[in-house]
Amino acid sequence: MGDLLNPEQAAQFLHVRPQTLACWRLYGKGPAFAKIGRLVRYDRRILEEWVNRNTVLTEPRAV
């Protein structure tokens, strides 16, 4: 386990709103998270891996 971030810190890391993370959790989307009692925590390494997996590389198109 790497650094554990609360939803506000994770949202800041991903440049999204905490409400976006809450919606992703509700609908089973977004990065994996841990529930520790009532607390939600995100592992920084998992967030980094999630960003890497969801990075789309585009190539210029000939016009």
N, C-alpha and C. Protein backbone atom coordinates (compact mmCIF):
# COMPACT_ATOMS: atom_id res chain seq x y z
N MET A 1 0.84 -1.19 0.00
CA MET A 1 0.00 0.00 0.00
C MET A 1 0.88 1.23 0.00
N GLY A 2 0.54 2.15 -0.87
CA GLY A 2 1.25 3.42 -0.91
C GLY A 2 0.58 4.42 0.00
N ASP A 3 0.72 5.68 -0.34
CA ASP A 3 0.07 6.73 0.42
C ASP A 3 -1.44 6.63 0.23
N LEU A 4 -2.19 6.70 1.32
CA LEU A 4 -3.64 6.69 1.23
C LEU A 4 -4.15 8.12 1.25
N LEU A 5 -5.00 8.43 0.29
CA LEU A 5 -5.56 9.77 0.16
C LEU A 5 -7.05 9.73 0.45
N ASN A 6 -7.55 10.78 1.09
CA ASN A 6 -8.99 10.89 1.27
C ASN A 6 -9.59 11.36 -0.07
N PRO A 7 -10.92 11.33 -0.21
CA PRO A 7 -11.52 11.69 -1.50
C PRO A 7 -11.17 13.10 -1.98
N GLU A 8 -11.04 14.05 -1.07
CA GLU A 8 -10.68 15.41 -1.47
C GLU A 8 -9.27 15.46 -2.06
N GLN A 9 -8.35 14.76 -1.42
CA GLN A 9 -6.97 14.71 -1.91
C GLN A 9 -6.89 13.97 -3.24
N ALA A 10 -7.64 12.87 -3.35
CA ALA A 10 -7.65 12.10 -4.59
C ALA A 10 -8.24 12.94 -5.73
N ALA A 11 -9.29 13.67 -5.43
CA ALA A 11 -9.90 14.53 -6.46
C ALA A 11 -8.91 15.59 -6.91
N GLN A 12 -8.19 16.17 -5.99
CA GLN A 12 -7.19 17.17 -6.34
C GLN A 12 -6.10 16.53 -7.21
N PHE A 13 -5.68 15.34 -6.87
CA PHE A 13 -4.66 14.62 -7.64
C PHE A 13 -5.13 14.39 -9.07
N LEU A 14 -6.42 14.03 -9.24
CA LEU A 14 -6.98 13.73 -10.56
C LEU A 14 -7.53 14.96 -11.28
N HIS A 15 -7.55 16.10 -10.61
CA HIS A 15 -8.09 17.34 -11.17
C HIS A 15 -9.57 17.20 -11.50
N VAL A 16 -10.30 16.58 -10.58
CA VAL A 16 -11.76 16.49 -10.68
C VAL A 16 -12.34 16.94 -9.34
N ARG A 17 -13.66 17.09 -9.30
CA ARG A 17 -14.31 17.47 -8.06
C ARG A 17 -14.54 16.24 -7.19
N PRO A 18 -14.56 16.38 -5.88
CA PRO A 18 -14.86 15.24 -5.00
C PRO A 18 -16.21 14.60 -5.34
N GLN A 19 -17.17 15.42 -5.79
CA GLN A 19 -18.48 14.89 -6.17
C GLN A 19 -18.37 13.95 -7.37
N THR A 20 -17.41 14.21 -8.25
CA THR A 20 -17.19 13.32 -9.40
C THR A 20 -16.74 11.95 -8.91
N LEU A 21 -15.81 11.93 -7.95
CA LEU A 21 -15.37 10.66 -7.39
C LEU A 21 -16.53 9.93 -6.72
N ALA A 22 -17.38 10.66 -6.02
CA ALA A 22 -18.53 10.04 -5.36
C ALA A 22 -19.46 9.41 -6.39
N CYS A 23 -19.71 10.08 -7.51
CA CYS A 23 -20.54 9.52 -8.58
C CYS A 23 -19.89 8.29 -9.18
N TRP A 24 -18.58 8.35 -9.41
CA TRP A 24 -17.88 7.19 -9.96
C TRP A 24 -18.01 6.00 -9.02
N ARG A 25 -17.87 6.24 -7.71
CA ARG A 25 -18.01 5.13 -6.74
C ARG A 25 -19.42 4.55 -6.81
N LEU A 26 -20.42 5.41 -6.88
CA LEU A 26 -21.81 4.98 -6.91
C LEU A 26 -22.10 4.10 -8.12
N TYR A 27 -21.53 4.46 -9.27
CA TYR A 27 -21.80 3.74 -10.52
C TYR A 27 -20.73 2.71 -10.88
N GLY A 28 -19.78 2.47 -9.98
CA GLY A 28 -18.77 1.45 -10.22
C GLY A 28 -17.76 1.83 -11.29
N LYS A 29 -17.52 3.12 -11.43
CA LYS A 29 -16.54 3.61 -12.40
C LYS A 29 -15.37 4.23 -11.65
N GLY A 30 -14.38 4.66 -12.39
CA GLY A 30 -13.26 5.35 -11.77
C GLY A 30 -12.27 4.41 -11.12
N PRO A 31 -11.32 4.99 -10.41
CA PRO A 31 -10.26 4.19 -9.79
C PRO A 31 -10.77 3.39 -8.59
N ALA A 32 -10.06 2.29 -8.30
CA ALA A 32 -10.39 1.47 -7.14
C ALA A 32 -10.16 2.27 -5.86
N PHE A 33 -10.94 1.95 -4.85
CA PHE A 33 -10.81 2.63 -3.56
C PHE A 33 -10.97 1.61 -2.45
N ALA A 34 -10.59 1.99 -1.26
CA ALA A 34 -10.72 1.12 -0.08
C ALA A 34 -11.72 1.75 0.87
N LYS A 35 -12.55 0.90 1.48
CA LYS A 35 -13.42 1.34 2.56
C LYS A 35 -12.82 0.84 3.86
N ILE A 36 -12.49 1.75 4.73
CA ILE A 36 -11.94 1.42 6.03
C ILE A 36 -12.96 1.93 7.05
N GLY A 37 -13.79 1.01 7.50
CA GLY A 37 -14.93 1.44 8.30
C GLY A 37 -15.84 2.26 7.41
N ARG A 38 -16.10 3.49 7.81
CA ARG A 38 -16.92 4.40 7.01
C ARG A 38 -16.08 5.30 6.12
N LEU A 39 -14.76 5.20 6.23
CA LEU A 39 -13.86 6.07 5.48
C LEU A 39 -13.56 5.50 4.10
N VAL A 40 -13.48 6.38 3.11
CA VAL A 40 -13.07 6.02 1.76
C VAL A 40 -11.66 6.53 1.57
N ARG A 41 -10.79 5.66 1.08
CA ARG A 41 -9.39 6.03 0.85
C ARG A 41 -8.95 5.53 -0.51
N TYR A 42 -8.07 6.30 -1.15
CA TYR A 42 -7.50 5.96 -2.46
C TYR A 42 -5.99 5.82 -2.31
N ASP A 43 -5.46 4.75 -2.87
CA ASP A 43 -4.02 4.53 -2.88
C ASP A 43 -3.42 5.34 -4.03
N ARG A 44 -2.45 6.18 -3.73
CA ARG A 44 -1.85 7.05 -4.74
C ARG A 44 -1.31 6.24 -5.93
N ARG A 45 -0.71 5.08 -5.66
CA ARG A 45 -0.16 4.26 -6.76
C ARG A 45 -1.27 3.76 -7.67
N ILE A 46 -2.39 3.38 -7.09
CA ILE A 46 -3.52 2.93 -7.90
C ILE A 46 -4.07 4.07 -8.74
N LEU A 47 -4.11 5.27 -8.18
CA LEU A 47 -4.55 6.43 -8.96
C LEU A 47 -3.62 6.67 -10.15
N GLU A 48 -2.31 6.59 -9.90
CA GLU A 48 -1.35 6.79 -10.99
C GLU A 48 -1.52 5.72 -12.06
N GLU A 49 -1.70 4.46 -11.66
CA GLU A 49 -1.90 3.37 -12.62
C GLU A 49 -3.19 3.57 -13.40
N TRP A 50 -4.24 4.02 -12.73
CA TRP A 50 -5.53 4.25 -13.38
C TRP A 50 -5.40 5.35 -14.44
N VAL A 51 -4.69 6.42 -14.11
CA VAL A 51 -4.47 7.49 -15.08
C VAL A 51 -3.70 6.94 -16.28
N ASN A 52 -2.65 6.16 -16.03
CA ASN A 52 -1.86 5.60 -17.13
C ASN A 52 -2.70 4.68 -18.01
N ARG A 53 -3.56 3.86 -17.42
CA ARG A 53 -4.40 2.95 -18.20
C ARG A 53 -5.44 3.70 -19.02
N ASN A 54 -5.83 4.87 -18.55
CA ASN A 54 -6.88 5.64 -19.22
C ASN A 54 -6.33 6.78 -20.06
N THR A 55 -5.03 6.77 -20.28
CA THR A 55 -4.42 7.78 -21.15
C THR A 55 -4.59 7.36 -22.59
N VAL A 56 -5.13 8.26 -23.40
CA VAL A 56 -5.37 7.99 -24.82
C VAL A 56 -4.36 8.80 -25.62
N LEU A 57 -3.57 8.09 -26.41
CA LEU A 57 -2.61 8.76 -27.27
C LEU A 57 -3.25 8.91 -28.65
N THR A 58 -3.24 10.12 -29.15
CA THR A 58 -3.83 10.36 -30.47
C THR A 58 -2.72 10.70 -31.45
N GLU A 59 -2.97 10.35 -32.68
CA GLU A 59 -2.02 10.70 -33.74
C GLU A 59 -2.69 11.72 -34.64
N PRO A 60 -1.90 12.64 -35.17
CA PRO A 60 -2.49 13.63 -36.07
C PRO A 60 -3.10 12.95 -37.29
N ARG A 61 -4.22 13.46 -37.72
CA ARG A 61 -4.89 12.92 -38.89
C ARG A 61 -4.59 13.79 -40.10
N ALA A 62 -4.36 13.15 -41.22
CA ALA A 62 -4.15 13.90 -42.46
C ALA A 62 -5.49 14.47 -42.90
N VAL A 63 -5.49 15.72 -43.26
CA VAL A 63 -6.72 16.38 -43.68
C VAL A 63 -6.78 16.50 -45.17
